Structure formats: structure tokens, C-alpha cells
Amino acid sequence: MPGSERLLAGHADAAWLPPGDRADVVPAGPDPQLPSPVCVVRLLVTRGREVLTVSRADGRGLDLPMVTVDGNEVAECVQDLVIGATSPGTWLGAGAASAELGERHWWPLATHVPGW
């Protein structure tokens, strides 16, 4: 788990995770303190009150850019995800983002991000 000064929100025993696991909201920065272990990283990229979305691989609409860590170094996976997020995506305003993404299991975590 990252240092408490870097943790915006933590949800122990989140319903979508196996028992005992947790979901954390950690802000990015030049030297992020990343939790360990990590299995999935979702990237909330904002531009004012807009959020960057990408098409889901399964064709079921839009979602945040994500990567499965799967035993790789977390920092390396996050770097690859950030570089990938610069590819074309769809920017949604706050209302459209809420309508499109509001039912996603991770949506309540996004509300902990300052300014969003």
C-alpha cells in the first residue's frame, strides 16, 4: 500500500474484488509511490472537467485506459499505460462521463480525485 500521504482513497473488501483485496486511488506524479501487489491499473486522465476514455476491448462501450500488471513491474506498466493514453481516445465532459461510466464498479473511486 502506498504511503498514507499519497493515498486519496482506499476501499477494503470492495465487492468486485476477491475477499481481502482492496482498491486504492493513488495520484500520479514524477515519483509515484505505488501499492504492491497490483493486478490492474486504470488511468483517470482529466482535462479540466473532462475525462479521457477509450473503447473497451470487448466492444461494450467506453472505459478508462487500463492495463493488467500480471507479475510485471507496476511502474513499467503504468508508464506503458500513460504512453498508450496519448493515442486517440474520446474526451467526455463530467455529465457525459457520469452517464457513460457511472455504472462501472470503479466509478465511486473517481469521485475521490481532487477537481473531478
PDB file of N, CA and C in Angstrom:
ATOM      1  N   MET A   1       0.852  -1.171   0.000  1.00  0.00           N
ATOM      2  CA  MET A   1       0.000   0.000   0.000  1.00  0.00           C
ATOM      3  C   MET A   1       0.895   1.230   0.000  1.00  0.00           C
ATOM      4  N   PRO A   2       0.507   2.272  -0.755  1.00  0.00           N
ATOM      5  CA  PRO A   2       1.319   3.476  -0.773  1.00  0.00           C
ATOM      6  C   PRO A   2       1.282   4.171   0.571  1.00  0.00           C
ATOM      7  N   GLY A   3       2.198   5.109   0.756  1.00  0.00           N
ATOM      8  CA  GLY A   3       2.187   5.896   1.974  1.00  0.00           C
ATOM      9  C   GLY A   3       0.872   6.638   2.115  1.00  0.00           C
ATOM     10  N   SER A   4       0.409   6.827   3.336  1.00  0.00           N
ATOM     11  CA  SER A   4      -0.903   7.441   3.548  1.00  0.00           C
ATOM     12  C   SER A   4      -0.987   8.843   2.972  1.00  0.00           C
ATOM     13  N   GLU A   5       0.159   9.530   2.837  1.00  0.00           N
ATOM     14  CA  GLU A   5       0.130  10.868   2.253  1.00  0.00           C
ATOM     15  C   GLU A   5      -0.160  10.824   0.759  1.00  0.00           C
ATOM     16  N   ARG A   6       0.005   9.675   0.112  1.00  0.00           N
ATOM     17  CA  ARG A   6      -0.248   9.522  -1.323  1.00  0.00           C
ATOM     18  C   ARG A   6      -1.580   8.841  -1.596  1.00  0.00           C
ATOM     19  N   LEU A   7      -2.215   8.282  -0.612  1.00  0.00           N
ATOM     20  CA  LEU A   7      -3.457   7.546  -0.794  1.00  0.00           C
ATOM     21  C   LEU A   7      -4.642   8.499  -0.683  1.00  0.00           C
ATOM     22  N   LEU A   8      -5.384   8.663  -1.796  1.00  0.00           N
ATOM     23  CA  LEU A   8      -6.563   9.524  -1.764  1.00  0.00           C
ATOM     24  C   LEU A   8      -7.764   8.787  -1.188  1.00  0.00           C
ATOM     25  N   ALA A   9      -7.879   7.514  -1.507  1.00  0.00           N
ATOM     26  CA  ALA A   9      -8.993   6.711  -1.005  1.00  0.00           C
ATOM     27  C   ALA A   9      -8.610   5.246  -1.071  1.00  0.00           C
ATOM     28  N   GLY A  10      -9.075   4.499  -0.129  1.00  0.00           N
ATOM     29  CA  GLY A  10      -8.868   3.058  -0.124  1.00  0.00           C
ATOM     30  C   GLY A  10     -10.172   2.370   0.209  1.00  0.00           C
ATOM     31  N   HIS A  11     -10.470   1.317  -0.510  1.00  0.00           N
ATOM     32  CA  HIS A  11     -11.698   0.564  -0.282  1.00  0.00           C
ATOM     33  C   HIS A  11     -11.324  -0.888  -0.031  1.00  0.00           C
ATOM     34  N   ALA A  12     -11.328  -1.268   1.232  1.00  0.00           N
ATOM     35  CA  ALA A  12     -11.035  -2.654   1.594  1.00  0.00           C
ATOM     36  C   ALA A  12     -12.254  -3.512   1.292  1.00  0.00           C
ATOM     37  N   ASP A  13     -12.003  -4.729   0.873  1.00  0.00           N
ATOM     38  CA  ASP A  13     -13.071  -5.692   0.587  1.00  0.00           C
ATOM     39  C   ASP A  13     -14.105  -5.146  -0.390  1.00  0.00           C
ATOM     40  N   ALA A  14     -13.638  -4.452  -1.446  1.00  0.00           N
ATOM     41  CA  ALA A  14     -14.545  -3.966  -2.483  1.00  0.00           C
ATOM     42  C   ALA A  14     -15.284  -5.146  -3.093  1.00  0.00           C
ATOM     43  N   ALA A  15     -16.567  -4.982  -3.357  1.00  0.00           N
ATOM     44  CA  ALA A  15     -17.415  -6.086  -3.801  1.00  0.00           C
ATOM     45  C   ALA A  15     -16.931  -6.747  -5.088  1.00  0.00           C
ATOM     46  N   TRP A  16     -16.240  -6.021  -5.937  1.00  0.00           N
ATOM     47  CA  TRP A  16     -15.803  -6.582  -7.218  1.00  0.00           C
ATOM     48  C   TRP A  16     -14.444  -7.282  -7.132  1.00  0.00           C
ATOM     49  N   LEU A  17     -13.852  -7.296  -5.944  1.00  0.00           N
ATOM     50  CA  LEU A  17     -12.538  -7.910  -5.765  1.00  0.00           C
ATOM     51  C   LEU A  17     -12.639  -9.171  -4.912  1.00  0.00           C
ATOM     52  N   PRO A  18     -11.656 -10.057  -5.024  1.00  0.00           N
ATOM     53  CA  PRO A  18     -11.643 -11.236  -4.146  1.00  0.00           C
ATOM     54  C   PRO A  18     -11.569 -10.808  -2.676  1.00  0.00           C
ATOM     55  N   PRO A  19     -12.096 -11.619  -1.763  1.00  0.00           N
ATOM     56  CA  PRO A  19     -12.050 -11.281  -0.342  1.00  0.00           C
ATOM     57  C   PRO A  19     -10.631 -10.954   0.117  1.00  0.00           C
ATOM     58  N   GLY A  20     -10.521  -9.880   0.889  1.00  0.00           N
ATOM     59  CA  GLY A  20      -9.230  -9.458   1.419  1.00  0.00           C
ATOM     60  C   GLY A  20      -8.480  -8.484   0.546  1.00  0.00           C
ATOM     61  N   ASP A  21      -8.894  -8.327  -0.707  1.00  0.00           N
ATOM     62  CA  ASP A  21      -8.229  -7.380  -1.597  1.00  0.00           C
ATOM     63  C   ASP A  21      -8.794  -5.985  -1.389  1.00  0.00           C
ATOM     64  N   ARG A  22      -8.119  -4.980  -1.973  1.00  0.00           N
ATOM     65  CA  ARG A  22      -8.560  -3.603  -1.812  1.00  0.00           C
ATOM     66  C   ARG A  22      -8.356  -2.848  -3.105  1.00  0.00           C
ATOM     67  N   ALA A  23      -9.090  -1.759  -3.250  1.00  0.00           N
ATOM     68  CA  ALA A  23      -8.936  -0.846  -4.383  1.00  0.00           C
ATOM     69  C   ALA A  23      -8.482   0.485  -3.813  1.00  0.00           C
ATOM     70  N   ASP A  24      -7.412   1.039  -4.371  1.00  0.00           N
ATOM     71  CA  ASP A  24      -6.863   2.296  -3.888  1.00  0.00           C
ATOM     72  C   ASP A  24      -6.846   3.333  -4.994  1.00  0.00           C
ATOM     73  N   VAL A  25      -7.013   4.590  -4.609  1.00  0.00           N
ATOM     74  CA  VAL A  25      -6.863   5.722  -5.522  1.00  0.00           C
ATOM     75  C   VAL A  25      -5.561   6.410  -5.141  1.00  0.00           C
ATOM     76  N   VAL A  26      -4.603   6.386  -6.078  1.00  0.00           N
ATOM     77  CA  VAL A  26      -3.266   6.932  -5.846  1.00  0.00           C
ATOM     78  C   VAL A  26      -2.978   7.954  -6.935  1.00  0.00           C
ATOM     79  N   PRO A  27      -2.655   9.195  -6.571  1.00  0.00           N
ATOM     80  CA  PRO A  27      -2.354  10.193  -7.602  1.00  0.00           C
ATOM     81  C   PRO A  27      -1.014   9.922  -8.272  1.00  0.00           C
ATOM     82  N   ALA A  28      -0.950  10.257  -9.555  1.00  0.00           N
ATOM     83  CA  ALA A  28       0.308  10.121 -10.285  1.00  0.00           C
ATOM     84  C   ALA A  28       1.203  11.293  -9.949  1.00  0.00           C
ATOM     85  N   GLY A  29       2.446  11.177 -10.271  1.00  0.00           N
ATOM     86  CA  GLY A  29       3.407  12.235 -10.041  1.00  0.00           C
ATOM     87  C   GLY A  29       4.743  11.807 -10.591  1.00  0.00           C
ATOM     88  N   PRO A  30       5.748  12.646 -10.448  1.00  0.00           N
ATOM     89  CA  PRO A  30       7.053  12.301 -11.000  1.00  0.00           C
ATOM     90  C   PRO A  30       7.687  11.080 -10.334  1.00  0.00           C
ATOM     91  N   ASP A  31       7.358  10.819  -9.080  1.00  0.00           N
ATOM     92  CA  ASP A  31       7.899   9.661  -8.373  1.00  0.00           C
ATOM     93  C   ASP A  31       6.779   9.029  -7.554  1.00  0.00           C
ATOM     94  N   PRO A  32       5.789   8.404  -8.252  1.00  0.00           N
ATOM     95  CA  PRO A  32       4.640   7.890  -7.505  1.00  0.00           C
ATOM     96  C   PRO A  32       5.021   6.730  -6.586  1.00  0.00           C
ATOM     97  N   GLN A  33       4.401   6.688  -5.436  1.00  0.00           N
ATOM     98  CA  GLN A  33       4.567   5.576  -4.503  1.00  0.00           C
ATOM     99  C   GLN A  33       3.432   4.607  -4.795  1.00  0.00           C
ATOM    100  N   LEU A  34       3.739   3.554  -5.509  1.00  0.00           N
ATOM    101  CA  LEU A  34       2.720   2.644  -5.981  1.00  0.00           C
ATOM    102  C   LEU A  34       2.502   1.510  -5.001  1.00  0.00           C
ATOM    103  N   PRO A  35       1.254   1.084  -4.852  1.00  0.00           N
ATOM    104  CA  PRO A  35       0.967  -0.031  -3.949  1.00  0.00           C
ATOM    105  C   PRO A  35       1.529  -1.334  -4.505  1.00  0.00           C
ATOM    106  N   SER A  36       1.651  -2.312  -3.637  1.00  0.00           N
ATOM    107  CA  SER A  36       2.103  -3.626  -4.058  1.00  0.00           C
ATOM    108  C   SER A  36       1.379  -4.659  -3.207  1.00  0.00           C
ATOM    109  N   PRO A  37       0.904  -5.731  -3.719  1.00  0.00           N
ATOM    110  CA  PRO A  37       0.885  -6.074  -5.135  1.00  0.00           C
ATOM    111  C   PRO A  37      -0.246  -5.341  -5.863  1.00  0.00           C
ATOM    112  N   VAL A  38      -0.139  -5.279  -7.175  1.00  0.00           N
ATOM    113  CA  VAL A  38      -1.148  -4.657  -8.039  1.00  0.00           C
ATOM    114  C   VAL A  38      -1.477  -5.634  -9.148  1.00  0.00           C
ATOM    115  N   CYS A  39      -2.760  -5.713  -9.524  1.00  0.00           N
ATOM    116  CA  CYS A  39      -3.127  -6.593 -10.636  1.00  0.00           C
ATOM    117  C   CYS A  39      -3.690  -5.813 -11.814  1.00  0.00           C
ATOM    118  N   VAL A  40      -4.361  -4.690 -11.559  1.00  0.00           N
ATOM    119  CA  VAL A  40      -4.942  -3.873 -12.624  1.00  0.00           C
ATOM    120  C   VAL A  40      -4.716  -2.409 -12.289  1.00  0.00           C
ATOM    121  N   VAL A  41      -4.384  -1.627 -13.320  1.00  0.00           N
ATOM    122  CA  VAL A  41      -4.254  -0.183 -13.162  1.00  0.00           C
ATOM    123  C   VAL A  41      -5.197   0.471 -14.156  1.00  0.00           C
ATOM    124  N   ARG A  42      -6.037   1.367 -13.679  1.00  0.00           N
ATOM    125  CA  ARG A  42      -6.881   2.201 -14.537  1.00  0.00           C
ATOM    126  C   ARG A  42      -6.360   3.626 -14.411  1.00  0.00           C
ATOM    127  N   LEU A  43      -6.347   4.314 -15.535  1.00  0.00           N
ATOM    128  CA  LEU A  43      -5.779   5.654 -15.575  1.00  0.00           C
ATOM    129  C   LEU A  43      -6.888   6.665 -15.802  1.00  0.00           C
ATOM    130  N   LEU A  44      -7.121   7.539 -14.815  1.00  0.00           N
ATOM    131  CA  LEU A  44      -8.098   8.610 -14.949  1.00  0.00           C
ATOM    132  C   LEU A  44      -7.344   9.856 -15.397  1.00  0.00           C
ATOM    133  N   VAL A  45      -7.428  10.145 -16.694  1.00  0.00           N
ATOM    134  CA  VAL A  45      -6.768  11.313 -17.274  1.00  0.00           C
ATOM    135  C   VAL A  45      -7.817  12.392 -17.407  1.00  0.00           C
ATOM    136  N   THR A  46      -7.571  13.533 -16.766  1.00  0.00           N
ATOM    137  CA  THR A  46      -8.544  14.621 -16.820  1.00  0.00           C
ATOM    138  C   THR A  46      -7.960  15.840 -17.519  1.00  0.00           C
ATOM    139  N   ARG A  47      -8.867  16.614 -18.077  1.00  0.00           N
ATOM    140  CA  ARG A  47      -8.545  17.893 -18.701  1.00  0.00           C
ATOM    141  C   ARG A  47      -9.664  18.827 -18.268  1.00  0.00           C
ATOM    142  N   GLY A  48      -9.408  19.561 -17.187  1.00  0.00           N
ATOM    143  CA  GLY A  48     -10.499  20.338 -16.590  1.00  0.00           C
ATOM    144  C   GLY A  48     -11.539  19.385 -16.048  1.00  0.00           C
ATOM    145  N   ARG A  49     -12.780  19.512 -16.517  1.00  0.00           N
ATOM    146  CA  ARG A  49     -13.866  18.624 -16.085  1.00  0.00           C
ATOM    147  C   ARG A  49     -14.166  17.551 -17.127  1.00  0.00           C
ATOM    148  N   GLU A  50     -13.183  17.249 -17.984  1.00  0.00           N
ATOM    149  CA  GLU A  50     -13.337  16.182 -18.963  1.00  0.00           C
ATOM    150  C   GLU A  50     -12.455  15.005 -18.560  1.00  0.00           C
ATOM    151  N   VAL A  51     -12.836  13.828 -19.021  1.00  0.00           N
ATOM    152  CA  VAL A  51     -12.074  12.619 -18.744  1.00  0.00           C
ATOM    153  C   VAL A  51     -11.819  11.894 -20.067  1.00  0.00           C
ATOM    154  N   LEU A  52     -10.611  11.354 -20.206  1.00  0.00           N
ATOM    155  CA  LEU A  52     -10.245  10.604 -21.399  1.00  0.00           C
ATOM    156  C   LEU A  52     -10.755   9.181 -21.291  1.00  0.00           C
ATOM    157  N   THR A  53     -11.445   8.732 -22.334  1.00  0.00           N
ATOM    158  CA  THR A  53     -11.929   7.356 -22.387  1.00  0.00           C
ATOM    159  C   THR A  53     -11.421   6.688 -23.659  1.00  0.00           C
ATOM    160  N   VAL A  54     -11.419   5.375 -23.640  1.00  0.00           N
ATOM    161  CA  VAL A  54     -11.038   4.578 -24.805  1.00  0.00           C
ATOM    162  C   VAL A  54     -12.102   3.508 -24.999  1.00  0.00           C
ATOM    163  N   SER A  55     -12.162   2.967 -26.198  1.00  0.00           N
ATOM    164  CA  SER A  55     -13.099   1.879 -26.474  1.00  0.00           C
ATOM    165  C   SER A  55     -12.646   0.624 -25.743  1.00  0.00           C
ATOM    166  N   ARG A  56     -13.606  -0.066 -25.138  1.00  0.00           N
ATOM    167  CA  ARG A  56     -13.298  -1.323 -24.455  1.00  0.00           C
ATOM    168  C   ARG A  56     -12.904  -2.385 -25.472  1.00  0.00           C
ATOM    169  N   ALA A  57     -11.994  -3.251 -25.099  1.00  0.00           N
ATOM    170  CA  ALA A  57     -11.543  -4.324 -25.987  1.00  0.00           C
ATOM    171  C   ALA A  57     -12.681  -5.269 -26.366  1.00  0.00           C
ATOM    172  N   ASP A  58     -13.683  -5.402 -25.469  1.00  0.00           N
ATOM    173  CA  ASP A  58     -14.797  -6.309 -25.746  1.00  0.00           C
ATOM    174  C   ASP A  58     -15.915  -5.634 -26.540  1.00  0.00           C
ATOM    175  N   GLY A  59     -15.708  -4.358 -26.929  1.00  0.00           N
ATOM    176  CA  GLY A  59     -16.694  -3.656 -27.745  1.00  0.00           C
ATOM    177  C   GLY A  59     -17.907  -3.149 -26.989  1.00  0.00           C
ATOM    178  N   ARG A  60     -17.878  -3.202 -25.656  1.00  0.00           N
ATOM    179  CA  ARG A  60     -19.037  -2.781 -24.860  1.00  0.00           C
ATOM    180  C   ARG A  60     -18.919  -1.344 -24.381  1.00  0.00           C
ATOM    181  N   GLY A  61     -18.649  -0.427 -25.285  1.00  0.00           N
ATOM    182  CA  GLY A  61     -18.652   0.983 -24.929  1.00  0.00           C
ATOM    183  C   GLY A  61     -17.282   1.514 -24.558  1.00  0.00           C
ATOM    184  N   LEU A  62     -17.314   2.604 -23.788  1.00  0.00           N
ATOM    185  CA  LEU A  62     -16.100   3.310 -23.393  1.00  0.00           C
ATOM    186  C   LEU A  62     -15.704   2.945 -21.966  1.00  0.00           C
ATOM    187  N   ASP A  63     -14.443   3.157 -21.662  1.00  0.00           N
ATOM    188  CA  ASP A  63     -13.926   2.894 -20.323  1.00  0.00           C
ATOM    189  C   ASP A  63     -12.654   3.716 -20.142  1.00  0.00           C
ATOM    190  N   LEU A  64     -12.089   3.688 -18.959  1.00  0.00           N
ATOM    191  CA  LEU A  64     -10.792   4.311 -18.736  1.00  0.00           C
ATOM    192  C   LEU A  64      -9.703   3.437 -19.342  1.00  0.00           C
ATOM    193  N   PRO A  65      -8.594   4.051 -19.777  1.00  0.00           N
ATOM    194  CA  PRO A  65      -7.460   3.228 -20.192  1.00  0.00           C
ATOM    195  C   PRO A  65      -7.028   2.353 -19.014  1.00  0.00           C
ATOM    196  N   MET A  66      -6.714   1.093 -19.292  1.00  0.00           N
ATOM    197  CA  MET A  66      -6.308   0.181 -18.221  1.00  0.00           C
ATOM    198  C   MET A  66      -5.254  -0.786 -18.719  1.00  0.00           C
ATOM    199  N   VAL A  67      -4.545  -1.362 -17.769  1.00  0.00           N
ATOM    200  CA  VAL A  67      -3.547  -2.378 -18.065  1.00  0.00           C
ATOM    201  C   VAL A  67      -3.575  -3.418 -16.950  1.00  0.00           C
ATOM    202  N   THR A  68      -3.379  -4.669 -17.320  1.00  0.00           N
ATOM    203  CA  THR A  68      -3.226  -5.743 -16.347  1.00  0.00           C
ATOM    204  C   THR A  68      -1.746  -5.881 -16.036  1.00  0.00           C
ATOM    205  N   VAL A  69      -1.389  -5.850 -14.772  1.00  0.00           N
ATOM    206  CA  VAL A  69       0.016  -5.870 -14.375  1.00  0.00           C
ATOM    207  C   VAL A  69       0.593  -7.276 -14.515  1.00  0.00           C
ATOM    208  N   ASP A  70      -0.072  -8.299 -14.018  1.00  0.00           N
ATOM    209  CA  ASP A  70       0.287  -9.692 -14.242  1.00  0.00           C
ATOM    210  C   ASP A  70       1.762 -10.009 -14.008  1.00  0.00           C
ATOM    211  N   GLY A  71       2.266  -9.656 -12.850  1.00  0.00           N
ATOM    212  CA  GLY A  71       3.627 -10.006 -12.472  1.00  0.00           C
ATOM    213  C   GLY A  71       4.699  -9.069 -12.991  1.00  0.00           C
ATOM    214  N   ASN A  72       4.362  -8.111 -13.830  1.00  0.00           N
ATOM    215  CA  ASN A  72       5.340  -7.140 -14.320  1.00  0.00           C
ATOM    216  C   ASN A  72       5.578  -6.063 -13.269  1.00  0.00           C
ATOM    217  N   GLU A  73       6.594  -5.270 -13.481  1.00  0.00           N
ATOM    218  CA  GLU A  73       6.838  -4.135 -12.606  1.00  0.00           C
ATOM    219  C   GLU A  73       5.698  -3.126 -12.769  1.00  0.00           C
ATOM    220  N   VAL A  74       5.099  -2.709 -11.670  1.00  0.00           N
ATOM    221  CA  VAL A  74       3.971  -1.791 -11.718  1.00  0.00           C
ATOM    222  C   VAL A  74       4.354  -0.501 -12.421  1.00  0.00           C
ATOM    223  N   ALA A  75       5.486   0.095 -12.065  1.00  0.00           N
ATOM    224  CA  ALA A  75       5.890   1.375 -12.663  1.00  0.00           C
ATOM    225  C   ALA A  75       6.026   1.250 -14.174  1.00  0.00           C
ATOM    226  N   GLU A  76       6.575   0.136 -14.645  1.00  0.00           N
ATOM    227  CA  GLU A  76       6.726  -0.081 -16.090  1.00  0.00           C
ATOM    228  C   GLU A  76       5.364  -0.168 -16.774  1.00  0.00           C
ATOM    229  N   CYS A  77       4.423  -0.873 -16.164  1.00  0.00           N
ATOM    230  CA  CYS A  77       3.082  -0.996 -16.727  1.00  0.00           C
ATOM    231  C   CYS A  77       2.360   0.348 -16.751  1.00  0.00           C
ATOM    232  N   VAL A  78       2.515   1.117 -15.681  1.00  0.00           N
ATOM    233  CA  VAL A  78       1.887   2.440 -15.641  1.00  0.00           C
ATOM    234  C   VAL A  78       2.496   3.330 -16.718  1.00  0.00           C
ATOM    235  N   GLN A  79       3.792   3.278 -16.888  1.00  0.00           N
ATOM    236  CA  GLN A  79       4.442   4.075 -17.931  1.00  0.00           C
ATOM    237  C   GLN A  79       3.897   3.688 -19.307  1.00  0.00           C
ATOM    238  N   ASP A  80       3.783   2.403 -19.583  1.00  0.00           N
ATOM    239  CA  ASP A  80       3.232   1.954 -20.863  1.00  0.00           C
ATOM    240  C   ASP A  80       1.796   2.424 -21.030  1.00  0.00           C
ATOM    241  N   LEU A  81       1.027   2.408 -19.946  1.00  0.00           N
ATOM    242  CA  LEU A  81      -0.364   2.850 -19.996  1.00  0.00           C
ATOM    243  C   LEU A  81      -0.451   4.337 -20.287  1.00  0.00           C
ATOM    244  N   VAL A  82       0.400   5.130 -19.646  1.00  0.00           N
ATOM    245  CA  VAL A  82       0.397   6.578 -19.873  1.00  0.00           C
ATOM    246  C   VAL A  82       0.773   6.873 -21.316  1.00  0.00           C
ATOM    247  N   ILE A  83       1.781   6.204 -21.836  1.00  0.00           N
ATOM    248  CA  ILE A  83       2.173   6.411 -23.234  1.00  0.00           C
ATOM    249  C   ILE A  83       1.030   6.008 -24.163  1.00  0.00           C
ATOM    250  N   GLY A  84       0.362   4.915 -23.864  1.00  0.00           N
ATOM    251  CA  GLY A  84      -0.776   4.477 -24.665  1.00  0.00           C
ATOM    252  C   GLY A  84      -1.953   5.422 -24.589  1.00  0.00           C
ATOM    253  N   ALA A  85      -2.102   6.118 -23.462  1.00  0.00           N
ATOM    254  CA  ALA A  85      -3.224   7.041 -23.289  1.00  0.00           C
ATOM    255  C   ALA A  85      -3.081   8.283 -24.159  1.00  0.00           C
ATOM    256  N   THR A  86      -1.908   8.492 -24.730  1.00  0.00           N
ATOM    257  CA  THR A  86      -1.750   9.635 -25.615  1.00  0.00           C
ATOM    258  C   THR A  86      -2.291   9.333 -27.012  1.00  0.00           C
ATOM    259  N   SER A  87      -2.644   8.068 -27.273  1.00  0.00           N
ATOM    260  CA  SER A  87      -3.250   7.723 -28.553  1.00  0.00           C
ATOM    261  C   SER A  87      -4.696   8.214 -28.557  1.00  0.00           C
ATOM    262  N   PRO A  88      -5.333   8.236 -29.734  1.00  0.00           N
ATOM    263  CA  PRO A  88      -6.692   8.788 -29.808  1.00  0.00           C
ATOM    264  C   PRO A  88      -7.657   8.129 -28.835  1.00  0.00           C
ATOM    265  N   GLY A  89      -8.449   8.936 -28.228  1.00  0.00           N
ATOM    266  CA  GLY A  89      -9.486   8.492 -27.317  1.00  0.00           C
ATOM    267  C   GLY A  89     -10.644   9.469 -27.435  1.00  0.00           C
ATOM    268  N   THR A  90     -11.597   9.356 -26.545  1.00  0.00           N
ATOM    269  CA  THR A  90     -12.763  10.230 -26.537  1.00  0.00           C
ATOM    270  C   THR A  90     -12.797  10.983 -25.221  1.00  0.00           C
ATOM    271  N   TRP A  91     -12.825  12.302 -25.296  1.00  0.00           N
ATOM    272  CA  TRP A  91     -12.939  13.132 -24.096  1.00  0.00           C
ATOM    273  C   TRP A  91     -14.419  13.326 -23.807  1.00  0.00           C
ATOM    274  N   LEU A  92     -14.816  13.037 -22.575  1.00  0.00           N
ATOM    275  CA  LEU A  92     -16.206  13.219 -22.146  1.00  0.00           C
ATOM    276  C   LEU A  92     -16.266  14.266 -21.048  1.00  0.00           C
ATOM    277  N   GLY A  93     -17.234  15.172 -21.152  1.00  0.00           N
ATOM    278  CA  GLY A  93     -17.486  16.116 -20.071  1.00  0.00           C
ATOM    279  C   GLY A  93     -18.026  15.378 -18.860  1.00  0.00           C
ATOM    280  N   ALA A  94     -18.092  16.071 -17.738  1.00  0.00           N
ATOM    281  CA  ALA A  94     -18.484  15.433 -16.473  1.00  0.00           C
ATOM    282  C   ALA A  94     -19.843  14.739 -16.576  1.00  0.00           C
ATOM    283  N   GLY A  95     -20.832  15.412 -17.167  1.00  0.00           N
ATOM    284  CA  GLY A  95     -22.164  14.812 -17.284  1.00  0.00           C
ATOM    285  C   GLY A  95     -22.171  13.585 -18.175  1.00  0.00           C
ATOM    286  N   ALA A  96     -21.513  13.678 -19.330  1.00  0.00           N
ATOM    287  CA  ALA A  96     -21.449  12.547 -20.257  1.00  0.00           C
ATOM    288  C   ALA A  96     -20.645  11.397 -19.652  1.00  0.00           C
ATOM    289  N   ALA A  97     -19.578  11.734 -18.931  1.00  0.00           N
ATOM    290  CA  ALA A  97     -18.774  10.702 -18.283  1.00  0.00           C
ATOM    291  C   ALA A  97     -19.597   9.964 -17.234  1.00  0.00           C
ATOM    292  N   SER A  98     -20.362  10.708 -16.463  1.00  0.00           N
ATOM    293  CA  SER A  98     -21.196  10.082 -15.445  1.00  0.00           C
ATOM    294  C   SER A  98     -22.238   9.168 -16.082  1.00  0.00           C
ATOM    295  N   ALA A  99     -22.837   9.626 -17.192  1.00  0.00           N
ATOM    296  CA  ALA A  99     -23.840   8.818 -17.879  1.00  0.00           C
ATOM    297  C   ALA A  99     -23.224   7.564 -18.494  1.00  0.00           C
ATOM    298  N   GLU A 100     -22.049   7.690 -19.094  1.00  0.00           N
ATOM    299  CA  GLU A 100     -21.403   6.572 -19.790  1.00  0.00           C
ATOM    300  C   GLU A 100     -20.694   5.617 -18.833  1.00  0.00           C
ATOM    301  N   LEU A 101     -20.085   6.159 -17.779  1.00  0.00           N
ATOM    302  CA  LEU A 101     -19.215   5.362 -16.915  1.00  0.00           C
ATOM    303  C   LEU A 101     -19.766   5.146 -15.509  1.00  0.00           C
ATOM    304  N   GLY A 102     -20.845   5.833 -15.169  1.00  0.00           N
ATOM    305  CA  GLY A 102     -21.360   5.844 -13.800  1.00  0.00           C
ATOM    306  C   GLY A 102     -21.739   4.492 -13.232  1.00  0.00           C
ATOM    307  N   GLU A 103     -22.001   3.517 -14.076  1.00  0.00           N
ATOM    308  CA  GLU A 103     -22.355   2.179 -13.590  1.00  0.00           C
ATOM    309  C   GLU A 103     -21.149   1.262 -13.448  1.00  0.00           C
ATOM    310  N   ARG A 104     -19.985   1.731 -13.858  1.00  0.00           N
ATOM    311  CA  ARG A 104     -18.779   0.912 -13.731  1.00  0.00           C
ATOM    312  C   ARG A 104     -18.447   0.744 -12.237  1.00  0.00           C
ATOM    313  N   HIS A 105     -17.945  -0.417 -11.877  1.00  0.00           N
ATOM    314  CA  HIS A 105     -17.671  -0.704 -10.469  1.00  0.00           C
ATOM    315  C   HIS A 105     -16.668   0.274  -9.864  1.00  0.00           C
ATOM    316  N   TRP A 106     -15.783   0.826 -10.658  1.00  0.00           N
ATOM    317  CA  TRP A 106     -14.734   1.709 -10.150  1.00  0.00           C
ATOM    318  C   TRP A 106     -15.182   3.172 -10.064  1.00  0.00           C
ATOM    319  N   TRP A 107     -16.347   3.521 -10.612  1.00  0.00           N
ATOM    320  CA  TRP A 107     -16.761   4.927 -10.680  1.00  0.00           C
ATOM    321  C   TRP A 107     -16.710   5.643  -9.329  1.00  0.00           C
ATOM    322  N   PRO A 108     -17.167   5.038  -8.237  1.00  0.00           N
ATOM    323  CA  PRO A 108     -17.081   5.745  -6.947  1.00  0.00           C
ATOM    324  C   PRO A 108     -15.649   6.142  -6.568  1.00  0.00           C
ATOM    325  N   LEU A 109     -14.655   5.390  -7.035  1.00  0.00           N
ATOM    326  CA  LEU A 109     -13.267   5.747  -6.743  1.00  0.00           C
ATOM    327  C   LEU A 109     -12.891   7.057  -7.425  1.00  0.00           C
ATOM    328  N   ALA A 110     -13.422   7.301  -8.616  1.00  0.00           N
ATOM    329  CA  ALA A 110     -13.088   8.514  -9.372  1.00  0.00           C
ATOM    330  C   ALA A 110     -13.531   9.777  -8.630  1.00  0.00           C
ATOM    331  N   THR A 111     -14.549   9.652  -7.816  1.00  0.00           N
ATOM    332  CA  THR A 111     -15.047  10.838  -7.108  1.00  0.00           C
ATOM    333  C   THR A 111     -14.070  11.336  -6.055  1.00  0.00           C
ATOM    334  N   HIS A 112     -13.052  10.576  -5.738  1.00  0.00           N
ATOM    335  CA  HIS A 112     -12.052  10.995  -4.746  1.00  0.00           C
ATOM    336  C   HIS A 112     -10.926  11.841  -5.351  1.00  0.00           C
ATOM    337  N   VAL A 113     -10.896  11.959  -6.660  1.00  0.00           N
ATOM    338  CA  VAL A 113      -9.839  12.711  -7.315  1.00  0.00           C
ATOM    339  C   VAL A 113     -10.136  14.202  -7.216  1.00  0.00           C
ATOM    340  N   PRO A 114      -9.236  14.992  -6.636  1.00  0.00           N
ATOM    341  CA  PRO A 114      -9.499  16.432  -6.477  1.00  0.00           C
ATOM    342  C   PRO A 114      -9.797  17.105  -7.821  1.00  0.00           C
ATOM    343  N   GLY A 115     -10.799  17.949  -7.825  1.00  0.00           N
ATOM    344  CA  GLY A 115     -11.168  18.696  -9.015  1.00  0.00           C
ATOM    345  C   GLY A 115     -12.042  17.939  -9.975  1.00  0.00           C
ATOM    346  N   TRP A 116     -12.287  16.691  -9.701  1.00  0.00           N
ATOM    347  CA  TRP A 116     -13.135  15.915 -10.584  1.00  0.00           C
ATOM    348  C   TRP A 116     -14.454  15.759  -9.931  1.00  0.00           C
TER     349      TRP A 116
END
